Protein backbone atom coordinates (compact mmCIF):
# COMPACT_ATOMS: atom_id res chain seq x y z
CA UNK A 1 55.20 -11.98 -18.02
CA UNK A 2 55.72 -9.42 -15.23
CA UNK A 3 53.87 -6.62 -14.60
CA UNK A 4 54.56 -3.53 -12.08
CA UNK A 5 52.40 -0.56 -11.36
CA UNK A 6 53.78 2.93 -11.10
CA UNK A 7 51.21 5.02 -8.91
CA UNK A 8 51.87 8.50 -8.42
CA UNK A 9 48.62 10.63 -6.86
CA UNK A 10 45.65 9.60 -8.21
CA UNK A 11 47.73 7.83 -11.65
CA UNK A 12 48.36 4.31 -12.00
CA UNK A 13 50.90 3.30 -14.82
CA UNK A 14 50.61 -0.31 -15.29
CA UNK A 15 53.75 -1.29 -17.08
CA UNK A 16 55.00 -4.86 -19.03
CA UNK A 17 59.17 -5.87 -17.76
CA UNK A 18 60.56 -6.72 -20.74
CA UNK A 19 63.43 -9.67 -20.35
CA UNK A 20 66.58 -7.41 -19.69
CA UNK A 21 69.16 -7.14 -16.68
CA UNK A 22 67.69 -3.92 -15.76
CA UNK A 23 64.06 -5.02 -15.76
CA UNK A 24 65.35 -8.21 -13.42
CA UNK A 25 67.23 -5.34 -11.05
CA UNK A 26 64.04 -3.04 -11.06
CA UNK A 27 61.93 -6.04 -10.26
CA UNK A 28 63.75 -7.07 -7.17
CA UNK A 29 64.17 -3.74 -5.65
CA UNK A 30 60.30 -3.03 -5.63
CA UNK A 31 58.37 -1.53 -4.10
CA UNK A 32 60.26 1.21 -4.72
CA UNK A 33 59.13 4.86 -3.32
CA UNK A 34 60.47 8.22 -4.54
CA UNK A 35 59.52 12.03 -4.95
CA UNK A 36 58.49 12.66 -8.72
CA UNK A 37 60.71 15.18 -11.11
CA UNK A 38 59.41 16.43 -14.05
CA UNK A 39 61.27 17.91 -17.13
CA UNK A 40 58.37 19.13 -19.61
CA UNK A 41 56.64 16.30 -20.37
CA UNK A 42 58.98 13.64 -18.69
CA UNK A 43 58.52 12.53 -14.90
CA UNK A 44 61.23 10.90 -13.08
CA UNK A 45 62.25 9.45 -9.84
CA UNK A 46 64.77 7.57 -8.13
CA UNK A 47 64.78 4.13 -8.98
CA UNK A 48 66.71 2.66 -5.58
CA UNK A 49 69.35 0.55 -8.14
CA UNK A 50 71.94 0.63 -9.64
CA UNK A 51 72.70 -0.61 -13.68
CA UNK A 52 75.13 0.11 -16.15
CA UNK A 53 74.03 0.90 -19.65
CA UNK A 54 72.83 -2.13 -22.00
CA UNK A 55 74.46 -2.30 -25.26
CA UNK A 56 70.80 -0.97 -26.69
CA UNK A 57 70.88 1.80 -24.33
CA UNK A 58 69.33 4.66 -26.31
CA UNK A 59 68.32 8.59 -26.11
CA UNK A 60 65.34 8.75 -28.53
CA UNK A 61 62.32 6.36 -26.82
CA UNK A 62 59.32 5.38 -28.39
CA UNK A 63 55.59 6.12 -26.81
CA UNK A 64 55.11 4.04 -24.50
CA UNK A 65 58.68 2.93 -23.64
CA UNK A 66 59.64 3.16 -19.83
CA UNK A 67 63.54 3.89 -18.91
CA UNK A 68 66.18 3.52 -16.69
CA UNK A 69 68.77 6.48 -16.88
CA UNK A 70 71.84 5.24 -15.36
CA UNK A 71 73.70 8.36 -15.17
CA UNK A 72 70.74 9.66 -12.35
CA UNK A 73 69.73 5.85 -11.21
CA UNK A 74 66.23 6.77 -12.28
CA UNK A 75 62.92 5.84 -13.78
CA UNK A 76 62.20 8.16 -16.72
CA UNK A 77 59.18 8.04 -18.70
CA UNK A 78 59.07 10.54 -21.59
CA UNK A 79 55.36 11.32 -22.86
CA UNK A 80 56.07 13.93 -25.18
CA UNK A 81 58.77 16.75 -25.69
CA UNK A 82 61.43 17.67 -23.63
CA UNK A 83 63.66 20.65 -23.97
CA UNK A 84 66.48 18.27 -25.69
CA UNK A 85 63.66 17.08 -28.24
CA UNK A 86 63.76 17.91 -32.20
CA UNK A 87 60.49 18.38 -32.89
CA UNK A 88 57.66 16.27 -31.03
CA UNK A 89 60.55 13.16 -30.46
CA UNK A 90 60.87 11.55 -26.81
CA UNK A 91 64.40 12.47 -26.10
CA UNK A 92 65.89 12.11 -22.79
CA UNK A 93 68.78 14.00 -21.70
CA UNK A 94 71.46 11.28 -21.69
CA UNK A 95 70.89 7.34 -23.35
CA UNK A 96 68.57 5.13 -20.94
CA UNK A 97 67.85 1.10 -20.93
CA UNK A 98 64.14 0.65 -22.12
CA UNK A 99 63.34 -2.15 -19.05
CA UNK A 100 59.28 -1.81 -19.38
CA UNK A 101 56.62 -1.18 -21.96
CA UNK A 102 53.54 1.00 -21.09
CA UNK A 103 50.17 -1.48 -20.88
CA UNK A 104 48.39 2.09 -20.34
CA UNK A 105 48.90 5.39 -22.47
CA UNK A 106 51.70 7.47 -20.85
CA UNK A 107 49.64 10.95 -21.02
CA UNK A 108 48.23 10.30 -18.25
CA UNK A 109 51.32 11.52 -16.74
CA UNK A 110 50.76 14.73 -17.84
CA UNK A 111 48.12 14.88 -14.85
CA UNK A 112 51.57 14.63 -12.45
CA UNK A 113 53.38 17.39 -10.46
CA UNK A 114 56.79 18.10 -9.21
CA UNK A 115 57.30 16.88 -6.18
CA UNK A 116 54.40 14.14 -5.98
CA UNK A 117 55.48 10.68 -4.06
CA UNK A 118 55.93 7.84 -6.55
CA UNK A 119 55.35 3.90 -5.72
CA UNK A 120 56.22 1.22 -8.14
CA UNK A 121 54.65 -1.80 -7.19
CA UNK A 122 54.54 -5.17 -8.50
CA UNK A 123 51.10 -5.54 -10.22
CA UNK A 124 48.45 -8.57 -9.12
């Protein structure tokens, strides 16, 4: 079992990696340092990896799913509606690979602001 921590300012989100090629690529790239972008109830940032869409890539996420958005080479964490959502769904702009599941409540990301620094590390 592989866990990682996504640290954004005072917010720390622990995630458990799935057994996927995307999770493997992100794990090998750790630590990842980037700048946060926000899009309504989504935060995303450069992942420093390039991975193709996997066969089970999807656009609508379940709460707690952490995605890799191949079109933007970014990690995306949705925690509520975005501008393209229908109702309360968590919809990304296009299909993404789910590579991890949050151990913690992803709504902690509501406290994150555009331009903050983010660091993804292997959890101990």
